[in-house]
Amino acid sequence: MTRRIRVEIVRAGADRLEVRRLELAEESTVRDALEASGIAARCPRVDLAHAGIFGRVVSLDTRLADGDRVEIYRPLRADPRQARRHRASRPGRR
């Protein structure tokens, strides 16, 4: 009998947070979890290549552990460094 693990798949859309709880085979990878979640079919424009576990970016071939939280990241709208420089250069700032 194959042991099972439980994981969460989380995707933050512009207007809502989607959370899926899955039970997978113990040797499952991030890619397996994303495929099993069905997110690609429901949201074809989501880039599943940008994913992480608990805030740490990982490859799709990373093996999962019981209790992992797989997060799908959205692209940044602005480069954080440029945004910080822009805010600092506004009048009234030192």
PDB file of N, CA and C in Angstrom:
ATOM      1  N   MET A   1       0.848  -1.186   0.000  1.00  0.00           N
ATOM      2  CA  MET A   1       0.000   0.000   0.000  1.00  0.00           C
ATOM      3  C   MET A   1       0.890   1.245   0.000  1.00  0.00           C
ATOM      4  N   THR A   2       0.601   2.174  -0.878  1.00  0.00           N
ATOM      5  CA  THR A   2       1.372   3.404  -0.981  1.00  0.00           C
ATOM      6  C   THR A   2       0.927   4.381   0.100  1.00  0.00           C
ATOM      7  N   ARG A   3       1.921   4.939   0.780  1.00  0.00           N
ATOM      8  CA  ARG A   3       1.589   5.946   1.797  1.00  0.00           C
ATOM      9  C   ARG A   3       1.126   7.213   1.114  1.00  0.00           C
ATOM     10  N   ARG A   4       0.310   7.985   1.804  1.00  0.00           N
ATOM     11  CA  ARG A   4      -0.276   9.207   1.255  1.00  0.00           C
ATOM     12  C   ARG A   4       0.184  10.399   2.082  1.00  0.00           C
ATOM     13  N   ILE A   5       0.253  11.557   1.420  1.00  0.00           N
ATOM     14  CA  ILE A   5       0.548  12.818   2.112  1.00  0.00           C
ATOM     15  C   ILE A   5      -0.569  13.802   1.801  1.00  0.00           C
ATOM     16  N   ARG A   6      -0.724  14.760   2.678  1.00  0.00           N
ATOM     17  CA  ARG A   6      -1.719  15.816   2.472  1.00  0.00           C
ATOM     18  C   ARG A   6      -0.989  17.122   2.229  1.00  0.00           C
ATOM     19  N   VAL A   7      -1.405  17.839   1.185  1.00  0.00           N
ATOM     20  CA  VAL A   7      -0.805  19.129   0.852  1.00  0.00           C
ATOM     21  C   VAL A   7      -1.907  20.127   0.516  1.00  0.00           C
ATOM     22  N   GLU A   8      -1.554  21.391   0.570  1.00  0.00           N
ATOM     23  CA  GLU A   8      -2.450  22.464   0.147  1.00  0.00           C
ATOM     24  C   GLU A   8      -1.858  23.132  -1.074  1.00  0.00           C
ATOM     25  N   ILE A   9      -2.723  23.508  -2.008  1.00  0.00           N
ATOM     26  CA  ILE A   9      -2.327  24.297  -3.169  1.00  0.00           C
ATOM     27  C   ILE A   9      -3.007  25.646  -3.005  1.00  0.00           C
ATOM     28  N   VAL A  10      -2.229  26.726  -3.065  1.00  0.00           N
ATOM     29  CA  VAL A  10      -2.779  28.064  -2.848  1.00  0.00           C
ATOM     30  C   VAL A  10      -2.444  28.944  -4.037  1.00  0.00           C
ATOM     31  N   ARG A  11      -3.470  29.639  -4.546  1.00  0.00           N
ATOM     32  CA  ARG A  11      -3.284  30.608  -5.624  1.00  0.00           C
ATOM     33  C   ARG A  11      -4.027  31.874  -5.249  1.00  0.00           C
ATOM     34  N   ALA A  12      -3.298  32.975  -5.224  1.00  0.00           N
ATOM     35  CA  ALA A  12      -3.912  34.270  -4.909  1.00  0.00           C
ATOM     36  C   ALA A  12      -4.201  34.981  -6.213  1.00  0.00           C
ATOM     37  N   GLY A  13      -5.467  35.065  -6.560  1.00  0.00           N
ATOM     38  CA  GLY A  13      -5.868  35.812  -7.743  1.00  0.00           C
ATOM     39  C   GLY A  13      -6.003  37.286  -7.392  1.00  0.00           C
ATOM     40  N   ALA A  14      -6.311  38.085  -8.369  1.00  0.00           N
ATOM     41  CA  ALA A  14      -6.456  39.516  -8.135  1.00  0.00           C
ATOM     42  C   ALA A  14      -7.635  39.814  -7.201  1.00  0.00           C
ATOM     43  N   ASP A  15      -8.639  38.951  -7.230  1.00  0.00           N
ATOM     44  CA  ASP A  15      -9.842  39.227  -6.455  1.00  0.00           C
ATOM     45  C   ASP A  15     -10.180  38.185  -5.387  1.00  0.00           C
ATOM     46  N   ARG A  16      -9.454  37.068  -5.377  1.00  0.00           N
ATOM     47  CA  ARG A  16      -9.782  36.046  -4.375  1.00  0.00           C
ATOM     48  C   ARG A  16      -8.625  35.084  -4.167  1.00  0.00           C
ATOM     49  N   LEU A  17      -8.706  34.353  -3.087  1.00  0.00           N
ATOM     50  CA  LEU A  17      -7.708  33.350  -2.726  1.00  0.00           C
ATOM     51  C   LEU A  17      -8.322  31.979  -2.954  1.00  0.00           C
ATOM     52  N   GLU A  18      -7.629  31.134  -3.681  1.00  0.00           N
ATOM     53  CA  GLU A  18      -8.111  29.786  -3.957  1.00  0.00           C
ATOM     54  C   GLU A  18      -7.231  28.792  -3.210  1.00  0.00           C
ATOM     55  N   VAL A  19      -7.840  27.936  -2.417  1.00  0.00           N
ATOM     56  CA  VAL A  19      -7.103  26.924  -1.651  1.00  0.00           C
ATOM     57  C   VAL A  19      -7.701  25.558  -1.965  1.00  0.00           C
ATOM     58  N   ARG A  20      -6.837  24.638  -2.340  1.00  0.00           N
ATOM     59  CA  ARG A  20      -7.245  23.253  -2.598  1.00  0.00           C
ATOM     60  C   ARG A  20      -6.456  22.344  -1.674  1.00  0.00           C
ATOM     61  N   ARG A  21      -7.120  21.420  -1.041  1.00  0.00           N
ATOM     62  CA  ARG A  21      -6.452  20.433  -0.205  1.00  0.00           C
ATOM     63  C   ARG A  21      -6.473  19.103  -0.948  1.00  0.00           C
ATOM     64  N   LEU A  22      -5.304  18.497  -1.047  1.00  0.00           N
ATOM     65  CA  LEU A  22      -5.175  17.255  -1.801  1.00  0.00           C
ATOM     66  C   LEU A  22      -4.518  16.175  -0.967  1.00  0.00           C
ATOM     67  N   GLU A  23      -4.813  14.945  -1.316  1.00  0.00           N
ATOM     68  CA  GLU A  23      -4.108  13.801  -0.759  1.00  0.00           C
ATOM     69  C   GLU A  23      -3.431  13.111  -1.933  1.00  0.00           C
ATOM     70  N   LEU A  24      -2.102  12.984  -1.853  1.00  0.00           N
ATOM     71  CA  LEU A  24      -1.304  12.460  -2.958  1.00  0.00           C
ATOM     72  C   LEU A  24      -0.422  11.319  -2.482  1.00  0.00           C
ATOM     73  N   ALA A  25       0.155  10.608  -3.445  1.00  0.00           N
ATOM     74  CA  ALA A  25       1.129   9.567  -3.121  1.00  0.00           C
ATOM     75  C   ALA A  25       2.353  10.205  -2.478  1.00  0.00           C
ATOM     76  N   GLU A  26       3.001   9.496  -1.598  1.00  0.00           N
ATOM     77  CA  GLU A  26       4.119  10.025  -0.820  1.00  0.00           C
ATOM     78  C   GLU A  26       5.261  10.559  -1.688  1.00  0.00           C
ATOM     79  N   GLU A  27       5.513   9.985  -2.844  1.00  0.00           N
ATOM     80  CA  GLU A  27       6.623  10.426  -3.695  1.00  0.00           C
ATOM     81  C   GLU A  27       6.239  11.526  -4.685  1.00  0.00           C
ATOM     82  N   SER A  28       5.125  12.202  -4.473  1.00  0.00           N
ATOM     83  CA  SER A  28       4.636  13.240  -5.389  1.00  0.00           C
ATOM     84  C   SER A  28       5.527  14.475  -5.390  1.00  0.00           C
ATOM     85  N   THR A  29       5.528  15.151  -6.542  1.00  0.00           N
ATOM     86  CA  THR A  29       6.295  16.381  -6.712  1.00  0.00           C
ATOM     87  C   THR A  29       5.350  17.575  -6.784  1.00  0.00           C
ATOM     88  N   VAL A  30       5.941  18.757  -6.815  1.00  0.00           N
ATOM     89  CA  VAL A  30       5.150  19.986  -6.969  1.00  0.00           C
ATOM     90  C   VAL A  30       4.342  19.903  -8.264  1.00  0.00           C
ATOM     91  N   ARG A  31       4.966  19.437  -9.337  1.00  0.00           N
ATOM     92  CA  ARG A  31       4.269  19.299 -10.626  1.00  0.00           C
ATOM     93  C   ARG A  31       3.051  18.383 -10.493  1.00  0.00           C
ATOM     94  N   ASP A  32       3.218  17.256  -9.807  1.00  0.00           N
ATOM     95  CA  ASP A  32       2.095  16.316  -9.610  1.00  0.00           C
ATOM     96  C   ASP A  32       0.943  16.995  -8.874  1.00  0.00           C
ATOM     97  N   ALA A  33       1.287  17.763  -7.849  1.00  0.00           N
ATOM     98  CA  ALA A  33       0.255  18.434  -7.054  1.00  0.00           C
ATOM     99  C   ALA A  33      -0.485  19.474  -7.885  1.00  0.00           C
ATOM    100  N   LEU A  34       0.254  20.232  -8.686  1.00  0.00           N
ATOM    101  CA  LEU A  34      -0.388  21.252  -9.520  1.00  0.00           C
ATOM    102  C   LEU A  34      -1.304  20.617 -10.556  1.00  0.00           C
ATOM    103  N   GLU A  35      -0.864  19.509 -11.146  1.00  0.00           N
ATOM    104  CA  GLU A  35      -1.708  18.810 -12.116  1.00  0.00           C
ATOM    105  C   GLU A  35      -2.965  18.257 -11.447  1.00  0.00           C
ATOM    106  N   ALA A  36      -2.810  17.673 -10.270  1.00  0.00           N
ATOM    107  CA  ALA A  36      -3.949  17.088  -9.556  1.00  0.00           C
ATOM    108  C   ALA A  36      -4.941  18.147  -9.091  1.00  0.00           C
ATOM    109  N   SER A  37      -4.464  19.373  -8.875  1.00  0.00           N
ATOM    110  CA  SER A  37      -5.348  20.433  -8.384  1.00  0.00           C
ATOM    111  C   SER A  37      -6.332  20.914  -9.441  1.00  0.00           C
ATOM    112  N   GLY A  38      -5.993  20.743 -10.721  1.00  0.00           N
ATOM    113  CA  GLY A  38      -6.874  21.199 -11.790  1.00  0.00           C
ATOM    114  C   GLY A  38      -6.824  22.693 -12.046  1.00  0.00           C
ATOM    115  N   ILE A  39      -5.910  23.401 -11.428  1.00  0.00           N
ATOM    116  CA  ILE A  39      -5.842  24.856 -11.589  1.00  0.00           C
ATOM    117  C   ILE A  39      -5.522  25.240 -13.029  1.00  0.00           C
ATOM    118  N   ALA A  40      -4.656  24.500 -13.693  1.00  0.00           N
ATOM    119  CA  ALA A  40      -4.290  24.825 -15.077  1.00  0.00           C
ATOM    120  C   ALA A  40      -5.505  24.778 -15.996  1.00  0.00           C
ATOM    121  N   ALA A  41      -6.401  23.833 -15.764  1.00  0.00           N
ATOM    122  CA  ALA A  41      -7.598  23.721 -16.594  1.00  0.00           C
ATOM    123  C   ALA A  41      -8.575  24.866 -16.328  1.00  0.00           C
ATOM    124  N   ARG A  42      -8.701  25.271 -15.064  1.00  0.00           N
ATOM    125  CA  ARG A  42      -9.629  26.346 -14.705  1.00  0.00           C
ATOM    126  C   ARG A  42      -9.072  27.733 -15.017  1.00  0.00           C
ATOM    127  N   CYS A  43      -7.761  27.886 -14.937  1.00  0.00           N
ATOM    128  CA  CYS A  43      -7.112  29.186 -15.105  1.00  0.00           C
ATOM    129  C   CYS A  43      -5.949  29.039 -16.087  1.00  0.00           C
ATOM    130  N   PRO A  44      -6.231  28.943 -17.386  1.00  0.00           N
ATOM    131  CA  PRO A  44      -5.171  28.656 -18.349  1.00  0.00           C
ATOM    132  C   PRO A  44      -4.078  29.722 -18.440  1.00  0.00           C
ATOM    133  N   ARG A  45      -4.345  30.954 -18.007  1.00  0.00           N
ATOM    134  CA  ARG A  45      -3.335  32.016 -18.092  1.00  0.00           C
ATOM    135  C   ARG A  45      -2.382  32.022 -16.903  1.00  0.00           C
ATOM    136  N   VAL A  46      -2.614  31.194 -15.906  1.00  0.00           N
ATOM    137  CA  VAL A  46      -1.746  31.133 -14.736  1.00  0.00           C
ATOM    138  C   VAL A  46      -0.459  30.403 -15.099  1.00  0.00           C
ATOM    139  N   ASP A  47       0.680  31.006 -14.745  1.00  0.00           N
ATOM    140  CA  ASP A  47       1.981  30.407 -15.018  1.00  0.00           C
ATOM    141  C   ASP A  47       2.358  29.505 -13.840  1.00  0.00           C
ATOM    142  N   LEU A  48       2.210  28.210 -14.030  1.00  0.00           N
ATOM    143  CA  LEU A  48       2.468  27.264 -12.953  1.00  0.00           C
ATOM    144  C   LEU A  48       3.957  27.041 -12.706  1.00  0.00           C
ATOM    145  N   ALA A  49       4.803  27.588 -13.559  1.00  0.00           N
ATOM    146  CA  ALA A  49       6.251  27.417 -13.386  1.00  0.00           C
ATOM    147  C   ALA A  49       6.786  28.235 -12.212  1.00  0.00           C
ATOM    148  N   HIS A  50       6.030  29.211 -11.737  1.00  0.00           N
ATOM    149  CA  HIS A  50       6.462  30.044 -10.608  1.00  0.00           C
ATOM    150  C   HIS A  50       5.726  29.593  -9.358  1.00  0.00           C
ATOM    151  N   ALA A  51       6.306  28.608  -8.690  1.00  0.00           N
ATOM    152  CA  ALA A  51       5.667  28.049  -7.503  1.00  0.00           C
ATOM    153  C   ALA A  51       6.694  27.916  -6.395  1.00  0.00           C
ATOM    154  N   GLY A  52       6.186  27.802  -5.188  1.00  0.00           N
ATOM    155  CA  GLY A  52       7.064  27.634  -4.042  1.00  0.00           C
ATOM    156  C   GLY A  52       6.376  26.844  -2.956  1.00  0.00           C
ATOM    157  N   ILE A  53       7.149  26.533  -1.929  1.00  0.00           N
ATOM    158  CA  ILE A  53       6.622  25.844  -0.754  1.00  0.00           C
ATOM    159  C   ILE A  53       6.909  26.735   0.443  1.00  0.00           C
ATOM    160  N   PHE A  54       5.854  27.167   1.121  1.00  0.00           N
ATOM    161  CA  PHE A  54       5.976  28.041   2.293  1.00  0.00           C
ATOM    162  C   PHE A  54       6.865  29.257   2.006  1.00  0.00           C
ATOM    163  N   GLY A  55       6.657  29.914   0.847  1.00  0.00           N
ATOM    164  CA  GLY A  55       7.359  31.156   0.553  1.00  0.00           C
ATOM    165  C   GLY A  55       8.743  30.998  -0.043  1.00  0.00           C
ATOM    166  N   ARG A  56       9.181  29.794  -0.285  1.00  0.00           N
ATOM    167  CA  ARG A  56      10.502  29.552  -0.873  1.00  0.00           C
ATOM    168  C   ARG A  56      10.307  28.990  -2.278  1.00  0.00           C
ATOM    169  N   VAL A  57      10.846  29.672  -3.297  1.00  0.00           N
ATOM    170  CA  VAL A  57      10.699  29.226  -4.678  1.00  0.00           C
ATOM    171  C   VAL A  57      11.403  27.882  -4.854  1.00  0.00           C
ATOM    172  N   VAL A  58      10.710  26.950  -5.504  1.00  0.00           N
ATOM    173  CA  VAL A  58      11.252  25.613  -5.742  1.00  0.00           C
ATOM    174  C   VAL A  58      10.980  25.212  -7.188  1.00  0.00           C
ATOM    175  N   SER A  59      11.685  24.179  -7.649  1.00  0.00           N
ATOM    176  CA  SER A  59      11.436  23.672  -9.001  1.00  0.00           C
ATOM    177  C   SER A  59      10.197  22.774  -8.973  1.00  0.00           C
ATOM    178  N   LEU A  60       9.655  22.532 -10.140  1.00  0.00           N
ATOM    179  CA  LEU A  60       8.468  21.685 -10.236  1.00  0.00           C
ATOM    180  C   LEU A  60       8.770  20.227  -9.911  1.00  0.00           C
ATOM    181  N   ASP A  61      10.043  19.856  -9.913  1.00  0.00           N
ATOM    182  CA  ASP A  61      10.430  18.479  -9.609  1.00  0.00           C
ATOM    183  C   ASP A  61      10.721  18.241  -8.126  1.00  0.00           C
ATOM    184  N   THR A  62      10.513  19.240  -7.292  1.00  0.00           N
ATOM    185  CA  THR A  62      10.743  19.110  -5.848  1.00  0.00           C
ATOM    186  C   THR A  62       9.721  18.147  -5.244  1.00  0.00           C
ATOM    187  N   ARG A  63      10.218  17.193  -4.465  1.00  0.00           N
ATOM    188  CA  ARG A  63       9.315  16.253  -3.795  1.00  0.00           C
ATOM    189  C   ARG A  63       8.634  16.930  -2.621  1.00  0.00           C
ATOM    190  N   LEU A  64       7.395  16.570  -2.416  1.00  0.00           N
ATOM    191  CA  LEU A  64       6.595  17.152  -1.346  1.00  0.00           C
ATOM    192  C   LEU A  64       6.658  16.308  -0.081  1.00  0.00           C
ATOM    193  N   ALA A  65       6.432  16.978   1.036  1.00  0.00           N
ATOM    194  CA  ALA A  65       6.328  16.312   2.335  1.00  0.00           C
ATOM    195  C   ALA A  65       4.913  16.518   2.864  1.00  0.00           C
ATOM    196  N   ASP A  66       4.517  15.681   3.775  1.00  0.00           N
ATOM    197  CA  ASP A  66       3.188  15.801   4.368  1.00  0.00           C
ATOM    198  C   ASP A  66       3.038  17.175   5.022  1.00  0.00           C
ATOM    199  N   GLY A  67       1.944  17.869   4.699  1.00  0.00           N
ATOM    200  CA  GLY A  67       1.665  19.163   5.292  1.00  0.00           C
ATOM    201  C   GLY A  67       2.210  20.353   4.513  1.00  0.00           C
ATOM    202  N   ASP A  68       2.892  20.130   3.390  1.00  0.00           N
ATOM    203  CA  ASP A  68       3.428  21.246   2.603  1.00  0.00           C
ATOM    204  C   ASP A  68       2.311  22.117   2.037  1.00  0.00           C
ATOM    205  N   ARG A  69       2.642  23.385   1.888  1.00  0.00           N
ATOM    206  CA  ARG A  69       1.729  24.360   1.284  1.00  0.00           C
ATOM    207  C   ARG A  69       2.391  24.841  -0.007  1.00  0.00           C
ATOM    208  N   VAL A  70       1.866  24.418  -1.146  1.00  0.00           N
ATOM    209  CA  VAL A  70       2.394  24.801  -2.450  1.00  0.00           C
ATOM    210  C   VAL A  70       1.702  26.089  -2.869  1.00  0.00           C
ATOM    211  N   GLU A  71       2.502  27.104  -3.155  1.00  0.00           N
ATOM    212  CA  GLU A  71       1.966  28.421  -3.508  1.00  0.00           C
ATOM    213  C   GLU A  71       2.291  28.734  -4.965  1.00  0.00           C
ATOM    214  N   ILE A  72       1.307  29.238  -5.694  1.00  0.00           N
ATOM    215  CA  ILE A  72       1.498  29.657  -7.075  1.00  0.00           C
ATOM    216  C   ILE A  72       1.625  31.172  -7.057  1.00  0.00           C
ATOM    217  N   TYR A  73       2.759  31.666  -7.568  1.00  0.00           N
ATOM    218  CA  TYR A  73       3.054  33.097  -7.486  1.00  0.00           C
ATOM    219  C   TYR A  73       2.614  33.845  -8.734  1.00  0.00           C
ATOM    220  N   ARG A  74       2.086  35.040  -8.512  1.00  0.00           N
ATOM    221  CA  ARG A  74       1.727  35.930  -9.616  1.00  0.00           C
ATOM    222  C   ARG A  74       2.953  36.720 -10.030  1.00  0.00           C
ATOM    223  N   PRO A  75       3.017  37.156 -11.281  1.00  0.00           N
ATOM    224  CA  PRO A  75       4.138  38.015 -11.685  1.00  0.00           C
ATOM    225  C   PRO A  75       4.044  39.369 -10.981  1.00  0.00           C
ATOM    226  N   LEU A  76       5.184  39.970 -10.713  1.00  0.00           N
ATOM    227  CA  LEU A  76       5.199  41.293 -10.083  1.00  0.00           C
ATOM    228  C   LEU A  76       4.736  42.342 -11.089  1.00  0.00           C
ATOM    229  N   ARG A  77       3.987  43.320 -10.620  1.00  0.00           N
ATOM    230  CA  ARG A  77       3.557  44.398 -11.503  1.00  0.00           C
ATOM    231  C   ARG A  77       4.654  45.427 -11.697  1.00  0.00           C
ATOM    232  N   ALA A  78       5.557  45.513 -10.748  1.00  0.00           N
ATOM    233  CA  ALA A  78       6.661  46.473 -10.830  1.00  0.00           C
ATOM    234  C   ALA A  78       7.882  45.881 -10.133  1.00  0.00           C
ATOM    235  N   ASP A  79       9.043  46.270 -10.590  1.00  0.00           N
ATOM    236  CA  ASP A  79      10.281  45.850  -9.955  1.00  0.00           C
ATOM    237  C   ASP A  79      10.363  46.546  -8.594  1.00  0.00           C
ATOM    238  N   PRO A  80      10.482  45.805  -7.494  1.00  0.00           N
ATOM    239  CA  PRO A  80      10.490  46.422  -6.161  1.00  0.00           C
ATOM    240  C   PRO A  80      11.588  47.469  -5.995  1.00  0.00           C
ATOM    241  N   ARG A  81      12.741  47.252  -6.569  1.00  0.00           N
ATOM    242  CA  ARG A  81      13.832  48.229  -6.448  1.00  0.00           C
ATOM    243  C   ARG A  81      13.490  49.533  -7.148  1.00  0.00           C
ATOM    244  N   GLN A  82      12.939  49.435  -8.346  1.00  0.00           N
ATOM    245  CA  GLN A  82      12.569  50.645  -9.074  1.00  0.00           C
ATOM    246  C   GLN A  82      11.440  51.384  -8.364  1.00  0.00           C
ATOM    247  N   ALA A  83      10.483  50.656  -7.829  1.00  0.00           N
ATOM    248  CA  ALA A  83       9.377  51.290  -7.113  1.00  0.00           C
ATOM    249  C   ALA A  83       9.893  52.031  -5.882  1.00  0.00           C
ATOM    250  N   ARG A  84      10.840  51.440  -5.163  1.00  0.00           N
ATOM    251  CA  ARG A  84      11.425  52.082  -3.986  1.00  0.00           C
ATOM    252  C   ARG A  84      12.179  53.354  -4.387  1.00  0.00           C
ATOM    253  N   ARG A  85      12.954  53.274  -5.463  1.00  0.00           N
ATOM    254  CA  ARG A  85      13.684  54.459  -5.950  1.00  0.00           C
ATOM    255  C   ARG A  85      12.722  55.566  -6.350  1.00  0.00           C
ATOM    256  N   HIS A  86      11.639  55.180  -7.007  1.00  0.00           N
ATOM    257  CA  HIS A  86      10.642  56.171  -7.429  1.00  0.00           C
ATOM    258  C   HIS A  86      10.014  56.876  -6.220  1.00  0.00           C
ATOM    259  N   ARG A  87       9.652  56.102  -5.202  1.00  0.00           N
ATOM    260  CA  ARG A  87       9.068  56.708  -3.990  1.00  0.00           C
ATOM    261  C   ARG A  87      10.070  57.622  -3.294  1.00  0.00           C
ATOM    262  N   ALA A  88      11.327  57.225  -3.272  1.00  0.00           N
ATOM    263  CA  ALA A  88      12.367  58.011  -2.598  1.00  0.00           C
ATOM    264  C   ALA A  88      12.679  59.302  -3.341  1.00  0.00           C
ATOM    265  N   SER A  89      12.452  59.311  -4.638  1.00  0.00           N
ATOM    266  CA  SER A  89      12.797  60.505  -5.432  1.00  0.00           C
ATOM    267  C   SER A  89      11.674  61.546  -5.457  1.00  0.00           C
ATOM    268  N   ARG A  90      10.527  61.238  -4.895  1.00  0.00           N
ATOM    269  CA  ARG A  90       9.423  62.210  -4.893  1.00  0.00           C
ATOM    270  C   ARG A  90       9.749  63.393  -3.984  1.00  0.00           C
ATOM    271  N   PRO A  91       9.238  64.563  -4.328  1.00  0.00           N
ATOM    272  CA  PRO A  91       9.465  65.754  -3.484  1.00  0.00           C
ATOM    273  C   PRO A  91       8.970  65.516  -2.056  1.00  0.00           C
ATOM    274  N   GLY A  92       9.676  66.126  -1.111  1.00  0.00           N
ATOM    275  CA  GLY A  92       9.297  65.991   0.300  1.00  0.00           C
ATOM    276  C   GLY A  92       9.957  64.795   0.975  1.00  0.00           C
ATOM    277  N   ARG A  93      10.721  64.021   0.221  1.00  0.00           N
ATOM    278  CA  ARG A  93      11.439  62.887   0.778  1.00  0.00           C
ATOM    279  C   ARG A  93      12.898  63.251   0.968  1.00  0.00           C
ATOM    280  N   ARG A  94      13.516  62.706   1.984  1.00  0.00           N
ATOM    281  CA  ARG A  94      14.938  62.968   2.179  1.00  0.00           C
ATOM    282  C   ARG A  94      15.770  61.942   1.492  1.00  0.00           C
TER     283      ARG A  94
END
